[in-house]
Amino acid sequence: MVDELILLDASPFAMDINEMENLLTYKRRAIEHVLQVETSQKPSRVVSPEEMLQGFLKNNSHVGEECGKLLLQRGTTPEATGLVLNRDRRITWPEYSFDFISRELFTHSIQQLQARVLLVKAAQGYSDVRRENDANREPLMFMLDMMRSILKERFQFVQIPGNHYVHMNAPHHVANVVSSFLQSKRRIPAQL
């Protein structure tokens, strides 16, 4: 059994309140996308480490150079002439990689949680799986309200300064919050 669940700028479930009627369409497209990607395996492009880092930083302005190097270290494979991305091309769109759920299923799922939950939210982090919906904070507020009302003292929410990569750009901010949560004496027995 899981005793503690720690979420870093994430949601326990991907909720979509605007497009419930499209969920089956997304699921079908996701399956078709996976099949298409798996049948059309293109050879991986080898790039110099510096060129890859600069391209990554250009496309991800919210990531610092040190963080970018670490992410590329984790997400690349060295080749004789450079680096190859390990990225799974099947997860290019949220619709292809997340199982979205309704408010009702979200509420039911939270009711089944037995663990203590810590949600660490970056102030400039993501509010929605889809970047274009990030300004709409209503789904986030719904999620927080449900978790507070259902989990009660088993739920802790902390907002810290920084963006989605705060755990890499300023790990001490996140470490202090997580450490306090894990060391807290206020152990709440799990529901049976």
N, C-alpha and C. Protein backbone atom coordinates (compact mmCIF):
# COMPACT_ATOMS: atom_id res chain seq x y z
N MET A 1 0.84 -1.18 0.00
CA MET A 1 0.00 0.00 0.00
C MET A 1 0.88 1.25 0.00
N VAL A 2 0.44 2.27 -0.66
CA VAL A 2 1.14 3.54 -0.69
C VAL A 2 0.69 4.37 0.50
N ASP A 3 1.64 4.82 1.31
CA ASP A 3 1.31 5.62 2.49
C ASP A 3 1.31 7.11 2.19
N GLU A 4 2.22 7.55 1.32
CA GLU A 4 2.31 8.95 0.94
C GLU A 4 2.41 9.07 -0.57
N LEU A 5 1.68 10.03 -1.10
CA LEU A 5 1.72 10.33 -2.53
C LEU A 5 2.16 11.78 -2.66
N ILE A 6 3.27 12.00 -3.36
CA ILE A 6 3.80 13.35 -3.54
C ILE A 6 3.72 13.70 -5.02
N LEU A 7 3.02 14.78 -5.31
CA LEU A 7 2.82 15.24 -6.69
C LEU A 7 3.56 16.56 -6.87
N LEU A 8 4.47 16.60 -7.83
CA LEU A 8 5.23 17.82 -8.12
C LEU A 8 4.67 18.48 -9.37
N ASP A 9 3.96 19.59 -9.17
CA ASP A 9 3.34 20.34 -10.26
C ASP A 9 2.58 19.41 -11.20
N ALA A 10 1.78 18.55 -10.60
CA ALA A 10 1.04 17.54 -11.36
C ALA A 10 -0.31 17.31 -10.70
N SER A 11 -1.14 16.58 -11.40
CA SER A 11 -2.44 16.19 -10.88
C SER A 11 -2.43 14.67 -10.73
N PRO A 12 -3.18 14.14 -9.76
CA PRO A 12 -3.22 12.69 -9.65
C PRO A 12 -3.90 12.04 -10.85
N PHE A 13 -4.77 12.79 -11.53
CA PHE A 13 -5.46 12.29 -12.71
C PHE A 13 -5.62 13.45 -13.69
N ALA A 14 -5.57 13.16 -14.99
CA ALA A 14 -5.76 14.20 -16.00
C ALA A 14 -7.26 14.38 -16.22
N MET A 15 -7.76 15.54 -15.84
CA MET A 15 -9.19 15.80 -15.92
C MET A 15 -9.47 16.74 -17.07
N ASP A 16 -10.51 16.44 -17.81
CA ASP A 16 -10.93 17.32 -18.91
C ASP A 16 -12.39 17.64 -18.71
N ILE A 17 -12.68 18.90 -18.39
CA ILE A 17 -14.06 19.29 -18.16
C ILE A 17 -14.70 19.91 -19.39
N ASN A 18 -13.90 20.22 -20.40
CA ASN A 18 -14.40 20.93 -21.56
C ASN A 18 -14.75 20.02 -22.74
N GLU A 19 -14.14 18.87 -22.82
CA GLU A 19 -14.28 18.06 -24.02
C GLU A 19 -14.62 16.61 -23.72
N MET A 20 -15.49 16.39 -22.77
CA MET A 20 -15.83 15.01 -22.41
C MET A 20 -16.34 14.22 -23.61
N GLU A 21 -17.07 14.89 -24.49
CA GLU A 21 -17.62 14.18 -25.64
C GLU A 21 -16.53 13.71 -26.60
N ASN A 22 -15.32 14.23 -26.48
CA ASN A 22 -14.22 13.85 -27.38
C ASN A 22 -13.29 12.78 -26.82
N LEU A 23 -13.53 12.32 -25.61
CA LEU A 23 -12.58 11.39 -24.98
C LEU A 23 -12.40 10.10 -25.77
N LEU A 24 -13.47 9.54 -26.29
CA LEU A 24 -13.33 8.31 -27.08
C LEU A 24 -12.60 8.59 -28.39
N THR A 25 -12.82 9.76 -28.96
CA THR A 25 -12.09 10.15 -30.18
C THR A 25 -10.60 10.24 -29.88
N TYR A 26 -10.25 10.86 -28.74
CA TYR A 26 -8.84 10.95 -28.35
C TYR A 26 -8.24 9.56 -28.16
N LYS A 27 -8.98 8.67 -27.53
CA LYS A 27 -8.47 7.32 -27.29
C LYS A 27 -8.21 6.62 -28.62
N ARG A 28 -9.15 6.74 -29.58
CA ARG A 28 -8.97 6.12 -30.88
C ARG A 28 -7.75 6.71 -31.59
N ARG A 29 -7.63 8.05 -31.57
CA ARG A 29 -6.48 8.70 -32.21
C ARG A 29 -5.17 8.27 -31.55
N ALA A 30 -5.18 8.10 -30.25
CA ALA A 30 -3.97 7.68 -29.54
C ALA A 30 -3.53 6.30 -30.02
N ILE A 31 -4.47 5.40 -30.14
CA ILE A 31 -4.15 4.04 -30.62
C ILE A 31 -3.63 4.10 -32.05
N GLU A 32 -4.31 4.87 -32.90
CA GLU A 32 -3.87 5.02 -34.29
C GLU A 32 -2.48 5.65 -34.37
N HIS A 33 -2.23 6.65 -33.52
CA HIS A 33 -0.93 7.33 -33.49
C HIS A 33 0.18 6.36 -33.10
N VAL A 34 -0.05 5.57 -32.06
CA VAL A 34 0.95 4.59 -31.62
C VAL A 34 1.25 3.61 -32.75
N LEU A 35 0.22 3.11 -33.39
CA LEU A 35 0.43 2.16 -34.49
C LEU A 35 1.20 2.81 -35.64
N GLN A 36 0.87 4.06 -35.96
CA GLN A 36 1.57 4.77 -37.04
C GLN A 36 3.04 4.98 -36.70
N VAL A 37 3.33 5.42 -35.49
CA VAL A 37 4.71 5.68 -35.08
C VAL A 37 5.51 4.38 -35.08
N GLU A 38 4.90 3.32 -34.57
CA GLU A 38 5.63 2.05 -34.49
C GLU A 38 5.90 1.44 -35.85
N THR A 39 5.05 1.71 -36.85
CA THR A 39 5.28 1.15 -38.18
C THR A 39 6.20 2.02 -39.03
N SER A 40 6.37 3.29 -38.66
CA SER A 40 7.22 4.18 -39.45
C SER A 40 8.44 4.62 -38.65
N GLN A 41 9.19 3.68 -38.15
CA GLN A 41 10.37 4.01 -37.35
C GLN A 41 11.43 4.66 -38.24
N LYS A 42 11.64 5.95 -38.01
CA LYS A 42 12.66 6.69 -38.76
C LYS A 42 13.99 6.54 -38.03
N PRO A 43 15.09 6.58 -38.77
CA PRO A 43 16.38 6.51 -38.10
C PRO A 43 16.58 7.73 -37.20
N SER A 44 17.17 7.51 -36.06
CA SER A 44 17.41 8.60 -35.11
C SER A 44 18.47 9.54 -35.66
N ARG A 45 18.26 10.84 -35.42
CA ARG A 45 19.20 11.87 -35.88
C ARG A 45 20.28 12.06 -34.82
N VAL A 46 21.53 12.00 -35.22
CA VAL A 46 22.65 12.21 -34.31
C VAL A 46 23.04 13.68 -34.36
N VAL A 47 23.14 14.30 -33.17
CA VAL A 47 23.42 15.73 -33.06
C VAL A 47 24.54 15.92 -32.05
N SER A 48 25.37 16.94 -32.26
CA SER A 48 26.43 17.22 -31.29
C SER A 48 25.81 17.64 -29.96
N PRO A 49 26.47 17.35 -28.84
CA PRO A 49 25.92 17.70 -27.53
C PRO A 49 25.59 19.20 -27.41
N GLU A 50 26.47 20.06 -27.91
CA GLU A 50 26.24 21.50 -27.80
C GLU A 50 25.06 21.95 -28.66
N GLU A 51 24.96 21.41 -29.86
CA GLU A 51 23.84 21.75 -30.74
C GLU A 51 22.52 21.29 -30.13
N MET A 52 22.52 20.09 -29.54
CA MET A 52 21.30 19.59 -28.91
C MET A 52 20.92 20.45 -27.71
N LEU A 53 21.90 20.83 -26.90
CA LEU A 53 21.62 21.65 -25.73
C LEU A 53 21.05 23.01 -26.15
N GLN A 54 21.67 23.65 -27.14
CA GLN A 54 21.20 24.96 -27.58
C GLN A 54 19.79 24.87 -28.16
N GLY A 55 19.52 23.83 -28.93
CA GLY A 55 18.17 23.64 -29.47
C GLY A 55 17.15 23.41 -28.37
N PHE A 56 17.54 22.63 -27.37
CA PHE A 56 16.64 22.36 -26.24
C PHE A 56 16.35 23.63 -25.46
N LEU A 57 17.40 24.41 -25.17
CA LEU A 57 17.22 25.66 -24.42
C LEU A 57 16.39 26.67 -25.21
N LYS A 58 16.58 26.70 -26.53
CA LYS A 58 15.81 27.63 -27.37
C LYS A 58 14.32 27.28 -27.32
N ASN A 59 14.00 26.01 -27.33
CA ASN A 59 12.60 25.57 -27.32
C ASN A 59 12.00 25.49 -25.92
N ASN A 60 12.82 25.62 -24.89
CA ASN A 60 12.36 25.52 -23.51
C ASN A 60 12.99 26.65 -22.69
N SER A 61 12.54 27.86 -22.94
CA SER A 61 13.16 29.04 -22.32
C SER A 61 13.03 29.05 -20.80
N HIS A 62 12.12 28.28 -20.24
CA HIS A 62 11.92 28.23 -18.79
C HIS A 62 12.90 27.29 -18.10
N VAL A 63 13.77 26.65 -18.85
CA VAL A 63 14.75 25.71 -18.31
C VAL A 63 16.13 26.37 -18.36
N GLY A 64 16.85 26.33 -17.26
CA GLY A 64 18.21 26.86 -17.23
C GLY A 64 19.19 25.91 -17.88
N GLU A 65 20.41 26.39 -18.13
CA GLU A 65 21.41 25.57 -18.83
C GLU A 65 21.76 24.31 -18.04
N GLU A 66 21.96 24.45 -16.74
CA GLU A 66 22.31 23.28 -15.92
C GLU A 66 21.19 22.24 -15.95
N CYS A 67 19.96 22.72 -15.83
CA CYS A 67 18.79 21.84 -15.89
C CYS A 67 18.69 21.18 -17.27
N GLY A 68 18.93 21.96 -18.32
CA GLY A 68 18.91 21.42 -19.68
C GLY A 68 19.93 20.32 -19.87
N LYS A 69 21.14 20.53 -19.35
CA LYS A 69 22.18 19.50 -19.45
C LYS A 69 21.76 18.22 -18.74
N LEU A 70 21.16 18.37 -17.57
CA LEU A 70 20.72 17.21 -16.81
C LEU A 70 19.61 16.46 -17.55
N LEU A 71 18.65 17.19 -18.08
CA LEU A 71 17.57 16.55 -18.83
C LEU A 71 18.10 15.82 -20.06
N LEU A 72 19.06 16.44 -20.76
CA LEU A 72 19.63 15.78 -21.93
C LEU A 72 20.49 14.58 -21.54
N GLN A 73 21.15 14.67 -20.40
CA GLN A 73 21.93 13.53 -19.92
C GLN A 73 21.01 12.33 -19.68
N ARG A 74 19.84 12.60 -19.12
CA ARG A 74 18.87 11.54 -18.85
C ARG A 74 18.17 11.07 -20.11
N GLY A 75 17.98 11.97 -21.07
CA GLY A 75 17.13 11.67 -22.21
C GLY A 75 17.83 11.45 -23.52
N THR A 76 19.15 11.18 -23.49
CA THR A 76 19.88 10.94 -24.73
C THR A 76 20.77 9.71 -24.59
N THR A 77 21.19 9.22 -25.73
CA THR A 77 22.14 8.11 -25.77
C THR A 77 23.35 8.56 -26.58
N PRO A 78 24.55 8.43 -26.02
CA PRO A 78 25.74 8.81 -26.78
C PRO A 78 25.98 7.87 -27.97
N GLU A 79 26.32 8.46 -29.09
CA GLU A 79 26.73 7.72 -30.29
C GLU A 79 28.14 8.16 -30.62
N ALA A 80 28.76 7.54 -31.58
CA ALA A 80 30.14 7.87 -31.93
C ALA A 80 30.30 9.33 -32.34
N THR A 81 29.30 9.90 -33.02
CA THR A 81 29.43 11.27 -33.53
C THR A 81 28.57 12.29 -32.80
N GLY A 82 27.92 11.91 -31.71
CA GLY A 82 27.08 12.86 -30.98
C GLY A 82 26.07 12.17 -30.08
N LEU A 83 24.89 12.77 -29.98
CA LEU A 83 23.83 12.26 -29.11
C LEU A 83 22.57 11.97 -29.92
N VAL A 84 21.80 11.01 -29.43
CA VAL A 84 20.50 10.67 -30.02
C VAL A 84 19.46 10.80 -28.91
N LEU A 85 18.34 11.47 -29.22
CA LEU A 85 17.26 11.60 -28.24
C LEU A 85 16.60 10.25 -27.99
N ASN A 86 16.29 9.98 -26.74
CA ASN A 86 15.57 8.76 -26.37
C ASN A 86 14.06 8.99 -26.38
N ARG A 87 13.64 10.17 -26.73
CA ARG A 87 12.23 10.56 -26.66
C ARG A 87 11.32 9.55 -27.35
N ASP A 88 10.24 9.25 -26.68
CA ASP A 88 9.23 8.36 -27.24
C ASP A 88 8.29 9.21 -28.09
N ARG A 89 8.37 9.06 -29.39
CA ARG A 89 7.57 9.88 -30.30
C ARG A 89 6.08 9.61 -30.18
N ARG A 90 5.71 8.56 -29.45
CA ARG A 90 4.29 8.26 -29.31
C ARG A 90 3.57 9.25 -28.40
N ILE A 91 4.31 10.01 -27.59
CA ILE A 91 3.66 10.88 -26.62
C ILE A 91 3.78 12.36 -26.99
N THR A 92 3.58 12.67 -28.25
CA THR A 92 3.75 14.05 -28.71
C THR A 92 2.60 14.97 -28.33
N TRP A 93 1.40 14.48 -28.15
CA TRP A 93 0.24 15.29 -27.79
C TRP A 93 -0.38 14.74 -26.51
N PRO A 94 -0.88 15.62 -25.64
CA PRO A 94 -1.52 15.13 -24.41
C PRO A 94 -2.65 14.14 -24.70
N GLU A 95 -3.40 14.39 -25.76
CA GLU A 95 -4.51 13.51 -26.10
C GLU A 95 -4.04 12.09 -26.39
N TYR A 96 -2.77 11.95 -26.78
CA TYR A 96 -2.24 10.64 -27.12
C TYR A 96 -1.61 9.93 -25.93
N SER A 97 -1.35 10.65 -24.86
CA SER A 97 -0.58 10.03 -23.78
C SER A 97 -1.25 10.06 -22.42
N PHE A 98 -2.39 10.72 -22.29
CA PHE A 98 -3.09 10.77 -21.01
C PHE A 98 -4.47 10.15 -21.16
N ASP A 99 -4.92 9.51 -20.13
CA ASP A 99 -6.31 9.08 -20.06
C ASP A 99 -7.07 10.15 -19.30
N PHE A 100 -7.82 10.97 -20.02
CA PHE A 100 -8.59 12.03 -19.39
C PHE A 100 -9.82 11.43 -18.73
N ILE A 101 -10.22 12.04 -17.60
CA ILE A 101 -11.40 11.56 -16.89
C ILE A 101 -12.34 12.72 -16.60
N SER A 102 -13.57 12.39 -16.26
CA SER A 102 -14.58 13.39 -15.95
C SER A 102 -14.45 13.84 -14.49
N ARG A 103 -15.19 14.88 -14.14
CA ARG A 103 -15.23 15.34 -12.75
C ARG A 103 -15.73 14.23 -11.83
N GLU A 104 -16.75 13.53 -12.29
CA GLU A 104 -17.33 12.46 -11.47
C GLU A 104 -16.32 11.35 -11.21
N LEU A 105 -15.61 10.93 -12.24
CA LEU A 105 -14.62 9.88 -12.06
C LEU A 105 -13.44 10.38 -11.22
N PHE A 106 -13.08 11.65 -11.39
CA PHE A 106 -12.03 12.24 -10.56
C PHE A 106 -12.43 12.16 -9.09
N THR A 107 -13.65 12.60 -8.79
CA THR A 107 -14.14 12.59 -7.41
C THR A 107 -14.16 11.18 -6.85
N HIS A 108 -14.67 10.24 -7.63
CA HIS A 108 -14.70 8.84 -7.19
C HIS A 108 -13.28 8.32 -6.93
N SER A 109 -12.36 8.64 -7.81
CA SER A 109 -10.98 8.17 -7.66
C SER A 109 -10.32 8.75 -6.41
N ILE A 110 -10.55 10.02 -6.14
CA ILE A 110 -9.99 10.65 -4.94
C ILE A 110 -10.57 10.00 -3.69
N GLN A 111 -11.84 9.63 -3.74
CA GLN A 111 -12.46 8.97 -2.59
C GLN A 111 -11.81 7.62 -2.29
N GLN A 112 -11.17 7.02 -3.29
CA GLN A 112 -10.53 5.73 -3.09
C GLN A 112 -9.10 5.85 -2.56
N LEU A 113 -8.53 7.05 -2.62
CA LEU A 113 -7.16 7.25 -2.13
C LEU A 113 -7.09 7.02 -0.63
N GLN A 114 -6.12 6.26 -0.21
CA GLN A 114 -5.92 6.01 1.22
C GLN A 114 -4.66 6.69 1.74
N ALA A 115 -3.82 7.13 0.85
CA ALA A 115 -2.53 7.72 1.23
C ALA A 115 -2.69 9.18 1.66
N ARG A 116 -1.70 9.65 2.39
CA ARG A 116 -1.56 11.09 2.62
C ARG A 116 -1.03 11.66 1.31
N VAL A 117 -1.50 12.84 0.94
CA VAL A 117 -1.15 13.42 -0.35
C VAL A 117 -0.56 14.81 -0.17
N LEU A 118 0.59 15.02 -0.78
CA LEU A 118 1.21 16.34 -0.84
C LEU A 118 1.22 16.77 -2.30
N LEU A 119 0.64 17.93 -2.58
CA LEU A 119 0.68 18.50 -3.92
C LEU A 119 1.51 19.77 -3.85
N VAL A 120 2.68 19.74 -4.48
CA VAL A 120 3.57 20.90 -4.55
C VAL A 120 3.34 21.54 -5.92
N LYS A 121 2.83 22.75 -5.91
CA LYS A 121 2.49 23.44 -7.16
C LYS A 121 3.44 24.60 -7.37
N ALA A 122 4.05 24.64 -8.54
CA ALA A 122 4.90 25.77 -8.91
C ALA A 122 4.01 26.95 -9.28
N ALA A 123 4.31 28.13 -8.74
CA ALA A 123 3.47 29.32 -8.98
C ALA A 123 3.34 29.63 -10.47
N GLN A 124 4.40 29.45 -11.22
CA GLN A 124 4.35 29.67 -12.66
C GLN A 124 4.33 28.34 -13.41
N GLY A 125 3.85 27.31 -12.74
CA GLY A 125 3.79 25.97 -13.35
C GLY A 125 2.56 25.81 -14.22
N TYR A 126 2.25 24.57 -14.52
CA TYR A 126 1.14 24.27 -15.41
C TYR A 126 -0.15 24.12 -14.62
N SER A 127 -1.24 24.63 -15.19
CA SER A 127 -2.56 24.46 -14.59
C SER A 127 -3.38 23.44 -15.35
N ASP A 128 -2.94 23.08 -16.54
CA ASP A 128 -3.69 22.15 -17.37
C ASP A 128 -2.71 21.31 -18.18
N VAL A 129 -3.11 20.11 -18.53
CA VAL A 129 -2.26 19.25 -19.35
C VAL A 129 -2.00 19.89 -20.70
N ARG A 130 -3.01 20.55 -21.23
CA ARG A 130 -2.86 21.24 -22.50
C ARG A 130 -2.39 22.67 -22.24
N ARG A 131 -1.25 23.02 -22.79
CA ARG A 131 -0.69 24.35 -22.54
C ARG A 131 -1.64 25.48 -22.95
N GLU A 132 -2.42 25.29 -24.01
CA GLU A 132 -3.32 26.35 -24.47
C GLU A 132 -4.44 26.64 -23.46
N ASN A 133 -4.71 25.73 -22.53
CA ASN A 133 -5.75 25.93 -21.52
C ASN A 133 -5.18 26.37 -20.17
N ASP A 134 -3.91 26.68 -20.12
CA ASP A 134 -3.25 26.97 -18.85
C ASP A 134 -3.85 28.16 -18.10
N ALA A 135 -4.39 29.12 -18.81
CA ALA A 135 -4.95 30.31 -18.15
C ALA A 135 -6.24 29.99 -17.40
N ASN A 136 -6.92 28.93 -17.78
CA ASN A 136 -8.17 28.54 -17.12
C ASN A 136 -7.83 27.74 -15.86
N ARG A 137 -7.93 28.38 -14.72
CA ARG A 137 -7.56 27.74 -13.46
C ARG A 137 -8.74 27.01 -12.80
N GLU A 138 -9.91 27.06 -13.41
CA GLU A 138 -11.09 26.44 -12.82
C GLU A 138 -10.91 24.93 -12.59
N PRO A 139 -10.38 24.16 -13.55
CA PRO A 139 -10.17 22.74 -13.27
C PRO A 139 -9.21 22.51 -12.10
N LEU A 140 -8.16 23.32 -12.00
CA LEU A 140 -7.22 23.20 -10.88
C LEU A 140 -7.93 23.49 -9.56
N MET A 141 -8.75 24.54 -9.55
CA MET A 141 -9.48 24.89 -8.32
C MET A 141 -10.46 23.79 -7.93
N PHE A 142 -11.13 23.20 -8.93
CA PHE A 142 -12.04 22.08 -8.66
C PHE A 142 -11.26 20.93 -8.03
N MET A 143 -10.12 20.59 -8.63
CA MET A 143 -9.30 19.49 -8.13
C MET A 143 -8.87 19.75 -6.68
N LEU A 144 -8.39 20.96 -6.40
CA LEU A 144 -7.95 21.29 -5.05
C LEU A 144 -9.11 21.24 -4.06
N ASP A 145 -10.25 21.79 -4.45
CA ASP A 145 -11.42 21.77 -3.56
C ASP A 145 -11.85 20.34 -3.25
N MET A 146 -11.87 19.49 -4.26
CA MET A 146 -12.27 18.09 -4.04
C MET A 146 -11.28 17.36 -3.14
N MET A 147 -10.00 17.57 -3.39
CA MET A 147 -8.99 16.89 -2.58
C MET A 147 -9.05 17.37 -1.13
N ARG A 148 -9.25 18.67 -0.94
CA ARG A 148 -9.37 19.21 0.44
C ARG A 148 -10.60 18.65 1.14
N SER A 149 -11.73 18.63 0.44
CA SER A 149 -12.97 18.21 1.10
C SER A 149 -13.03 16.70 1.33
N ILE A 150 -12.44 15.92 0.45
CA ILE A 150 -12.50 14.46 0.59
C ILE A 150 -11.37 13.94 1.48
N LEU A 151 -10.16 14.39 1.22
CA LEU A 151 -9.00 13.86 1.96
C LEU A 151 -8.80 14.55 3.31
N LYS A 152 -9.33 15.74 3.45
CA LYS A 152 -9.25 16.52 4.68
C LYS A 152 -7.81 16.64 5.16
N GLU A 153 -7.50 16.18 6.38
CA GLU A 153 -6.15 16.34 6.94
C GLU A 153 -5.10 15.46 6.25
N ARG A 154 -5.54 14.56 5.38
CA ARG A 154 -4.57 13.74 4.63
C ARG A 154 -4.05 14.46 3.39
N PHE A 155 -4.54 15.68 3.14
CA PHE A 155 -4.12 16.43 1.96
C PHE A 155 -3.40 17.70 2.38
N GLN A 156 -2.26 17.93 1.73
CA GLN A 156 -1.51 19.17 1.96
C GLN A 156 -1.16 19.76 0.60
N PHE A 157 -1.43 21.06 0.46
CA PHE A 157 -1.13 21.79 -0.77
C PHE A 157 -0.15 22.90 -0.44
N VAL A 158 0.95 22.96 -1.21
CA VAL A 158 1.95 24.00 -1.02
C VAL A 158 2.29 24.58 -2.38
N GLN A 159 2.21 25.91 -2.49
CA GLN A 159 2.61 26.58 -3.73
C GLN A 159 3.97 27.23 -3.48
N ILE A 160 4.90 26.99 -4.39
CA ILE A 160 6.24 27.54 -4.25
C ILE A 160 6.58 28.38 -5.49
N PRO A 161 7.48 29.36 -5.34
CA PRO A 161 7.85 30.17 -6.50
C PRO A 161 8.65 29.35 -7.51
N GLY A 162 8.40 29.62 -8.77
CA GLY A 162 9.15 28.94 -9.82
C GLY A 162 8.23 28.39 -10.89
N ASN A 163 8.83 27.77 -11.90
CA ASN A 163 8.06 27.18 -12.99
C ASN A 163 8.00 25.66 -12.83
N HIS A 164 7.51 24.99 -13.85
CA HIS A 164 7.33 23.54 -13.80
C HIS A 164 8.61 22.79 -13.44
N TYR A 165 9.75 23.37 -13.75
CA TYR A 165 11.03 22.71 -13.49
C TYR A 165 11.69 23.20 -12.20
N VAL A 166 10.91 23.72 -11.27
CA VAL A 166 11.46 24.24 -10.01
C VAL A 166 12.23 23.15 -9.25
N HIS A 167 11.81 21.91 -9.38
CA HIS A 167 12.51 20.82 -8.69
C HIS A 167 13.93 20.63 -9.22
N MET A 168 14.21 21.15 -10.41
CA MET A 168 15.55 21.07 -10.97
C MET A 168 16.28 22.41 -10.88
N ASN A 169 15.53 23.50 -11.08
CA ASN A 169 16.15 24.83 -11.04
C ASN A 169 16.44 25.29 -9.62
N ALA A 170 15.59 24.93 -8.67
CA ALA A 170 15.77 25.32 -7.26
C ALA A 170 15.33 24.15 -6.38
N PRO A 171 16.08 23.05 -6.41
CA PRO A 171 15.65 21.84 -5.70
C PRO A 171 15.47 22.03 -4.20
N HIS A 172 16.18 22.99 -3.61
CA HIS A 172 16.06 23.21 -2.17
C HIS A 172 14.65 23.64 -1.78
N HIS A 173 13.96 24.39 -2.66
CA HIS A 173 12.58 24.79 -2.37
C HIS A 173 11.69 23.56 -2.22
N VAL A 174 11.82 22.65 -3.16
CA VAL A 174 11.00 21.45 -3.16
C VAL A 174 11.43 20.50 -2.04
N ALA A 175 12.73 20.35 -1.85
CA ALA A 175 13.24 19.42 -0.84
C ALA A 175 12.75 19.77 0.55
N ASN A 176 12.73 21.06 0.89
CA ASN A 176 12.26 21.46 2.22
C ASN A 176 10.81 21.08 2.44
N VAL A 177 9.97 21.31 1.45
CA VAL A 177 8.54 21.00 1.56
C VAL A 177 8.33 19.49 1.67
N VAL A 178 8.98 18.74 0.79
CA VAL A 178 8.82 17.28 0.79
C VAL A 178 9.36 16.68 2.08
N SER A 179 10.51 17.14 2.52
CA SER A 179 11.10 16.64 3.76
C SER A 179 10.18 16.89 4.95
N SER A 180 9.64 18.08 5.05
CA SER A 180 8.71 18.40 6.14
C SER A 180 7.48 17.49 6.10
N PHE A 181 6.97 17.27 4.91
CA PHE A 181 5.79 16.40 4.76
C PHE A 181 6.09 14.98 5.22
N LEU A 182 7.22 14.45 4.77
CA LEU A 182 7.57 13.06 5.12
C LEU A 182 7.93 12.89 6.58
N GLN A 183 8.48 13.93 7.19
CA GLN A 183 8.89 13.83 8.58
C GLN A 183 7.81 14.27 9.56
N SER A 184 6.71 14.77 9.05
CA SER A 184 5.67 15.28 9.95
C SER A 184 5.17 14.18 10.87
N LYS A 185 4.97 14.55 12.11
CA LYS A 185 4.52 13.59 13.13
C LYS A 185 3.02 13.35 13.03
N ARG A 186 2.36 14.18 12.27
CA ARG A 186 0.91 14.11 12.18
C ARG A 186 0.51 12.99 11.22
N ARG A 187 0.82 11.78 11.60
CA ARG A 187 0.48 10.62 10.77
C ARG A 187 -1.01 10.32 10.92
N ILE A 188 -1.70 10.31 9.82
CA ILE A 188 -3.13 10.01 9.82
C ILE A 188 -3.29 8.57 9.37
N PRO A 189 -3.96 7.74 10.15
CA PRO A 189 -4.13 6.35 9.73
C PRO A 189 -4.90 6.26 8.42
N ALA A 190 -4.48 5.38 7.56
CA ALA A 190 -5.16 5.19 6.28
C ALA A 190 -6.55 4.63 6.52
N GLN A 191 -7.47 5.00 5.63
CA GLN A 191 -8.83 4.48 5.73
C GLN A 191 -8.83 3.02 5.31
N LEU A 192 -9.63 2.25 5.94
CA LEU A 192 -9.75 0.83 5.57
C LEU A 192 -10.87 0.62 4.60
